[in-house]
N, C-alpha and C. Protein backbone atom coordinates (compact mmCIF):
# COMPACT_ATOMS: atom_id res chain seq x y z
N MET A 1 113.85 62.94 177.43
CA MET A 1 113.80 61.84 176.50
C MET A 1 112.99 60.71 177.13
N ARG A 2 112.20 60.04 176.31
CA ARG A 2 111.37 58.93 176.77
C ARG A 2 111.95 57.63 176.23
N CYS A 3 111.64 56.52 176.90
CA CYS A 3 112.27 55.24 176.55
C CYS A 3 111.23 54.11 176.51
N LEU A 4 111.27 53.33 175.44
CA LEU A 4 110.47 52.11 175.32
C LEU A 4 111.40 50.93 175.57
N GLY A 5 111.08 50.10 176.55
CA GLY A 5 111.86 48.89 176.83
C GLY A 5 111.20 47.67 176.21
N ILE A 6 111.95 46.91 175.46
CA ILE A 6 111.45 45.67 174.85
C ILE A 6 111.81 44.51 175.77
N THR A 7 110.80 43.74 176.15
CA THR A 7 110.97 42.71 177.17
C THR A 7 111.51 41.39 176.61
N SER A 8 112.50 41.47 175.73
CA SER A 8 113.09 40.24 175.18
C SER A 8 114.12 39.63 176.13
N SER A 9 114.83 40.47 176.88
CA SER A 9 115.87 39.97 177.79
C SER A 9 115.56 40.21 179.26
N PHE A 10 114.77 41.26 179.53
CA PHE A 10 114.44 41.63 180.90
C PHE A 10 112.93 41.81 181.02
N ASP A 11 112.39 41.58 182.22
CA ASP A 11 110.95 41.76 182.41
C ASP A 11 110.61 43.25 182.54
N ASP A 12 109.30 43.53 182.50
CA ASP A 12 108.87 44.92 182.50
C ASP A 12 109.23 45.65 183.79
N VAL A 13 109.21 44.98 184.92
CA VAL A 13 109.57 45.63 186.19
C VAL A 13 111.03 46.07 186.16
N THR A 14 111.92 45.19 185.69
CA THR A 14 113.34 45.52 185.61
C THR A 14 113.57 46.70 184.67
N LEU A 15 112.89 46.69 183.53
CA LEU A 15 113.05 47.78 182.57
C LEU A 15 112.52 49.11 183.12
N CYS A 16 111.38 49.06 183.80
CA CYS A 16 110.83 50.29 184.41
C CYS A 16 111.75 50.79 185.52
N ASP A 17 112.29 49.88 186.31
CA ASP A 17 113.23 50.28 187.36
C ASP A 17 114.48 50.94 186.77
N ALA A 18 114.84 50.54 185.55
CA ALA A 18 116.01 51.10 184.87
C ALA A 18 115.68 52.39 184.12
N GLY A 19 114.40 52.78 184.10
CA GLY A 19 114.04 54.05 183.50
C GLY A 19 113.12 54.00 182.29
N ALA A 20 112.67 52.82 181.90
CA ALA A 20 111.76 52.74 180.76
C ALA A 20 110.42 53.40 181.10
N ASP A 21 109.90 54.18 180.17
CA ASP A 21 108.59 54.80 180.35
C ASP A 21 107.47 53.86 179.92
N TRP A 22 107.76 53.01 178.95
CA TRP A 22 106.82 52.01 178.46
C TRP A 22 107.59 50.70 178.29
N THR A 23 106.85 49.60 178.27
CA THR A 23 107.44 48.31 177.92
C THR A 23 106.50 47.59 176.96
N ALA A 24 107.08 46.73 176.14
CA ALA A 24 106.32 45.94 175.19
C ALA A 24 107.12 44.68 174.86
N PRO A 25 106.44 43.60 174.51
CA PRO A 25 107.15 42.38 174.16
C PRO A 25 107.88 42.50 172.81
N ASP A 26 107.37 43.37 171.92
CA ASP A 26 107.98 43.61 170.62
C ASP A 26 107.36 44.88 170.03
N LEU A 27 107.85 45.32 168.90
CA LEU A 27 107.36 46.58 168.32
C LEU A 27 105.95 46.47 167.74
N ALA A 28 105.47 45.26 167.55
CA ALA A 28 104.09 45.08 167.08
C ALA A 28 103.07 45.32 168.19
N HIS A 29 103.54 45.38 169.44
CA HIS A 29 102.65 45.54 170.59
C HIS A 29 103.00 46.76 171.43
N VAL A 30 103.28 47.88 170.77
CA VAL A 30 103.61 49.13 171.46
C VAL A 30 102.35 49.62 172.17
N PRO A 31 102.48 50.08 173.43
CA PRO A 31 101.31 50.57 174.17
C PRO A 31 100.57 51.69 173.41
N GLY A 32 99.26 51.72 173.57
CA GLY A 32 98.42 52.66 172.84
C GLY A 32 98.79 54.12 173.03
N ASP A 33 99.14 54.52 174.27
CA ASP A 33 99.48 55.93 174.47
C ASP A 33 100.78 56.29 173.76
N LEU A 34 101.70 55.35 173.62
CA LEU A 34 102.92 55.61 172.86
C LEU A 34 102.61 55.70 171.38
N GLN A 35 101.73 54.85 170.89
CA GLN A 35 101.33 54.92 169.48
C GLN A 35 100.76 56.30 169.17
N THR A 36 99.97 56.82 170.09
CA THR A 36 99.38 58.15 169.92
C THR A 36 100.47 59.21 169.84
N CYS A 37 101.47 59.12 170.73
CA CYS A 37 102.58 60.08 170.72
C CYS A 37 103.36 60.00 169.41
N LEU A 38 103.58 58.81 168.92
CA LEU A 38 104.35 58.62 167.69
C LEU A 38 103.59 59.09 166.46
N ALA A 39 102.26 59.00 166.50
CA ALA A 39 101.44 59.40 165.36
C ALA A 39 101.43 60.91 165.20
N GLY A 40 101.63 61.62 166.29
CA GLY A 40 101.66 63.08 166.23
C GLY A 40 100.28 63.69 166.05
N PRO A 41 100.27 64.99 165.85
CA PRO A 41 98.99 65.70 165.73
C PRO A 41 98.24 65.41 164.44
């Protein structure tokens, strides 16, 4: 399972240390490689 951490309460380093694969400030700014995964083939 993969995890997106939203940096509203914790910074990206803390979220990555806790197991987040990606971080973003909100869902409007999801990293490009995650967008590609979500879009599918």
